[in-house]
Amino acid sequence: MKRRLDLTAKEQVHSLVEEMSEDQAEELLEELHYLSAAVDDEPLTEEDIASIDRGVQDIRAGRVISP
């Protein structure tokens, strides 16, 4: 699809999404959720760090649940 300079970026995205199949839209949605989570620029709290440490300890001890 050729870029339309008369549309905003959001309008262009909307137009592209409208042309996608449902499967393509679902994949894009997953990617957008990932990207929006990756942008989290808040510093980790002490509680976050403790939770991560507990998770790492569980993994090292073999206490994991596989899907």
N, C-alpha and C. Protein backbone atom coordinates (compact mmCIF):
# COMPACT_ATOMS: atom_id res chain seq x y z
N MET A 1 0.84 -1.18 0.00
CA MET A 1 0.00 0.00 0.00
C MET A 1 0.88 1.24 0.00
N LYS A 2 0.55 2.17 -0.84
CA LYS A 2 1.29 3.42 -0.93
C LYS A 2 0.91 4.33 0.24
N ARG A 3 1.92 4.96 0.82
CA ARG A 3 1.67 5.88 1.92
C ARG A 3 0.93 7.10 1.44
N ARG A 4 -0.08 7.48 2.18
CA ARG A 4 -0.83 8.69 1.84
C ARG A 4 -0.40 9.80 2.77
N LEU A 5 0.19 10.80 2.19
CA LEU A 5 0.72 11.91 2.99
C LEU A 5 -0.39 12.81 3.54
N ASP A 6 -1.62 12.66 2.99
CA ASP A 6 -2.72 13.49 3.48
C ASP A 6 -3.38 12.90 4.72
N LEU A 7 -2.91 11.73 5.17
CA LEU A 7 -3.46 11.09 6.36
C LEU A 7 -2.46 11.14 7.50
N THR A 8 -2.98 11.21 8.72
CA THR A 8 -2.10 11.14 9.88
C THR A 8 -1.58 9.71 10.02
N ALA A 9 -0.60 9.54 10.86
CA ALA A 9 -0.06 8.20 11.10
C ALA A 9 -1.15 7.27 11.62
N LYS A 10 -1.97 7.74 12.55
CA LYS A 10 -3.04 6.91 13.09
C LYS A 10 -4.07 6.56 12.02
N GLU A 11 -4.36 7.49 11.15
CA GLU A 11 -5.30 7.21 10.06
C GLU A 11 -4.73 6.17 9.10
N GLN A 12 -3.43 6.26 8.84
CA GLN A 12 -2.79 5.27 7.97
C GLN A 12 -2.82 3.89 8.61
N VAL A 13 -2.54 3.82 9.91
CA VAL A 13 -2.59 2.54 10.62
C VAL A 13 -3.99 1.97 10.55
N HIS A 14 -4.97 2.80 10.83
CA HIS A 14 -6.37 2.35 10.78
C HIS A 14 -6.71 1.79 9.40
N SER A 15 -6.30 2.47 8.37
CA SER A 15 -6.56 2.02 7.01
C SER A 15 -5.92 0.67 6.73
N LEU A 16 -4.68 0.50 7.18
CA LEU A 16 -4.00 -0.78 6.98
C LEU A 16 -4.68 -1.91 7.75
N VAL A 17 -5.11 -1.62 8.97
CA VAL A 17 -5.78 -2.63 9.79
C VAL A 17 -7.08 -3.07 9.12
N GLU A 18 -7.79 -2.13 8.56
CA GLU A 18 -9.06 -2.46 7.89
C GLU A 18 -8.85 -3.43 6.72
N GLU A 19 -7.68 -3.42 6.13
CA GLU A 19 -7.39 -4.30 5.00
C GLU A 19 -6.91 -5.68 5.43
N MET A 20 -6.61 -5.86 6.72
CA MET A 20 -6.06 -7.12 7.21
C MET A 20 -7.14 -8.17 7.44
N SER A 21 -6.69 -9.42 7.39
CA SER A 21 -7.57 -10.51 7.81
C SER A 21 -7.66 -10.49 9.33
N GLU A 22 -8.62 -11.21 9.88
CA GLU A 22 -8.75 -11.28 11.34
C GLU A 22 -7.50 -11.88 11.97
N ASP A 23 -6.92 -12.91 11.33
CA ASP A 23 -5.70 -13.53 11.85
C ASP A 23 -4.55 -12.53 11.88
N GLN A 24 -4.40 -11.75 10.82
CA GLN A 24 -3.34 -10.74 10.79
C GLN A 24 -3.56 -9.69 11.87
N ALA A 25 -4.82 -9.29 12.06
CA ALA A 25 -5.14 -8.29 13.08
C ALA A 25 -4.82 -8.82 14.48
N GLU A 26 -5.11 -10.11 14.73
CA GLU A 26 -4.80 -10.70 16.03
C GLU A 26 -3.29 -10.70 16.27
N GLU A 27 -2.52 -11.05 15.25
CA GLU A 27 -1.05 -11.04 15.39
C GLU A 27 -0.55 -9.63 15.67
N LEU A 28 -1.10 -8.66 14.95
CA LEU A 28 -0.70 -7.27 15.17
C LEU A 28 -1.06 -6.81 16.58
N LEU A 29 -2.22 -7.21 17.05
CA LEU A 29 -2.65 -6.83 18.39
C LEU A 29 -1.69 -7.37 19.44
N GLU A 30 -1.28 -8.63 19.29
CA GLU A 30 -0.31 -9.21 20.22
C GLU A 30 1.00 -8.41 20.20
N GLU A 31 1.45 -8.05 19.01
CA GLU A 31 2.69 -7.28 18.88
C GLU A 31 2.55 -5.90 19.52
N LEU A 32 1.41 -5.27 19.32
CA LEU A 32 1.18 -3.95 19.90
C LEU A 32 1.15 -4.01 21.43
N HIS A 33 0.54 -5.07 21.97
CA HIS A 33 0.55 -5.23 23.42
C HIS A 33 1.99 -5.38 23.92
N TYR A 34 2.78 -6.15 23.20
CA TYR A 34 4.19 -6.34 23.57
C TYR A 34 4.94 -5.01 23.53
N LEU A 35 4.75 -4.27 22.45
CA LEU A 35 5.44 -2.99 22.31
C LEU A 35 5.02 -1.99 23.37
N SER A 36 3.74 -1.96 23.69
CA SER A 36 3.28 -1.00 24.69
C SER A 36 3.82 -1.36 26.07
N ALA A 37 3.98 -2.64 26.35
CA ALA A 37 4.55 -3.06 27.63
C ALA A 37 6.05 -2.76 27.67
N ALA A 38 6.71 -2.86 26.52
CA ALA A 38 8.15 -2.63 26.46
C ALA A 38 8.50 -1.16 26.68
N VAL A 39 7.54 -0.28 26.54
CA VAL A 39 7.77 1.15 26.67
C VAL A 39 7.66 1.61 28.12
N ASP A 40 7.29 0.72 29.00
CA ASP A 40 7.13 1.07 30.41
C ASP A 40 8.44 1.65 30.93
N ASP A 41 8.44 2.94 31.21
CA ASP A 41 9.67 3.60 31.64
C ASP A 41 9.69 3.92 33.13
N GLU A 42 8.74 3.35 33.86
CA GLU A 42 8.74 3.57 35.30
C GLU A 42 9.83 2.71 35.93
N PRO A 43 10.53 3.25 36.90
CA PRO A 43 11.56 2.45 37.57
C PRO A 43 10.92 1.31 38.36
N LEU A 44 11.69 0.24 38.52
CA LEU A 44 11.21 -0.89 39.30
C LEU A 44 11.13 -0.50 40.77
N THR A 45 10.08 -0.96 41.42
CA THR A 45 9.94 -0.73 42.85
C THR A 45 10.69 -1.83 43.59
N GLU A 46 10.85 -1.65 44.89
CA GLU A 46 11.48 -2.69 45.70
C GLU A 46 10.65 -3.97 45.63
N GLU A 47 9.33 -3.82 45.59
CA GLU A 47 8.44 -4.98 45.48
C GLU A 47 8.64 -5.69 44.15
N ASP A 48 8.79 -4.93 43.05
CA ASP A 48 9.06 -5.53 41.74
C ASP A 48 10.35 -6.35 41.78
N ILE A 49 11.39 -5.75 42.32
CA ILE A 49 12.70 -6.41 42.37
C ILE A 49 12.63 -7.67 43.21
N ALA A 50 11.94 -7.61 44.35
CA ALA A 50 11.80 -8.79 45.21
C ALA A 50 11.04 -9.89 44.47
N SER A 51 10.01 -9.52 43.74
CA SER A 51 9.23 -10.51 42.99
C SER A 51 10.08 -11.16 41.90
N ILE A 52 10.86 -10.37 41.22
CA ILE A 52 11.76 -10.90 40.19
C ILE A 52 12.78 -11.84 40.81
N ASP A 53 13.35 -11.43 41.94
CA ASP A 53 14.32 -12.28 42.63
C ASP A 53 13.71 -13.62 43.04
N ARG A 54 12.47 -13.59 43.56
CA ARG A 54 11.80 -14.84 43.93
C ARG A 54 11.59 -15.72 42.71
N GLY A 55 11.21 -15.12 41.60
CA GLY A 55 11.01 -15.89 40.37
C GLY A 55 12.30 -16.53 39.89
N VAL A 56 13.38 -15.79 39.93
CA VAL A 56 14.68 -16.33 39.52
C VAL A 56 15.09 -17.48 40.45
N GLN A 57 14.89 -17.30 41.73
CA GLN A 57 15.22 -18.37 42.70
C GLN A 57 14.38 -19.61 42.42
N ASP A 58 13.09 -19.43 42.12
CA ASP A 58 12.23 -20.58 41.80
C ASP A 58 12.73 -21.30 40.55
N ILE A 59 13.11 -20.55 39.54
CA ILE A 59 13.61 -21.16 38.30
C ILE A 59 14.89 -21.94 38.58
N ARG A 60 15.79 -21.34 39.32
CA ARG A 60 17.06 -22.01 39.64
C ARG A 60 16.83 -23.29 40.46
N ALA A 61 15.78 -23.28 41.29
CA ALA A 61 15.49 -24.44 42.13
C ALA A 61 14.62 -25.47 41.40
N GLY A 62 14.26 -25.16 40.16
CA GLY A 62 13.45 -26.09 39.38
C GLY A 62 11.97 -26.02 39.69
N ARG A 63 11.55 -25.00 40.40
CA ARG A 63 10.14 -24.84 40.74
C ARG A 63 9.46 -24.01 39.65
N VAL A 64 9.16 -24.68 38.55
CA VAL A 64 8.51 -23.99 37.43
C VAL A 64 7.32 -24.82 36.97
N ILE A 65 6.37 -24.14 36.34
CA ILE A 65 5.20 -24.81 35.78
C ILE A 65 5.24 -24.59 34.28
N SER A 66 5.24 -25.68 33.52
CA SER A 66 5.24 -25.59 32.07
C SER A 66 3.81 -25.60 31.57
N PRO A 67 3.54 -24.85 30.52
CA PRO A 67 2.18 -24.83 29.97
C PRO A 67 1.81 -26.17 29.36
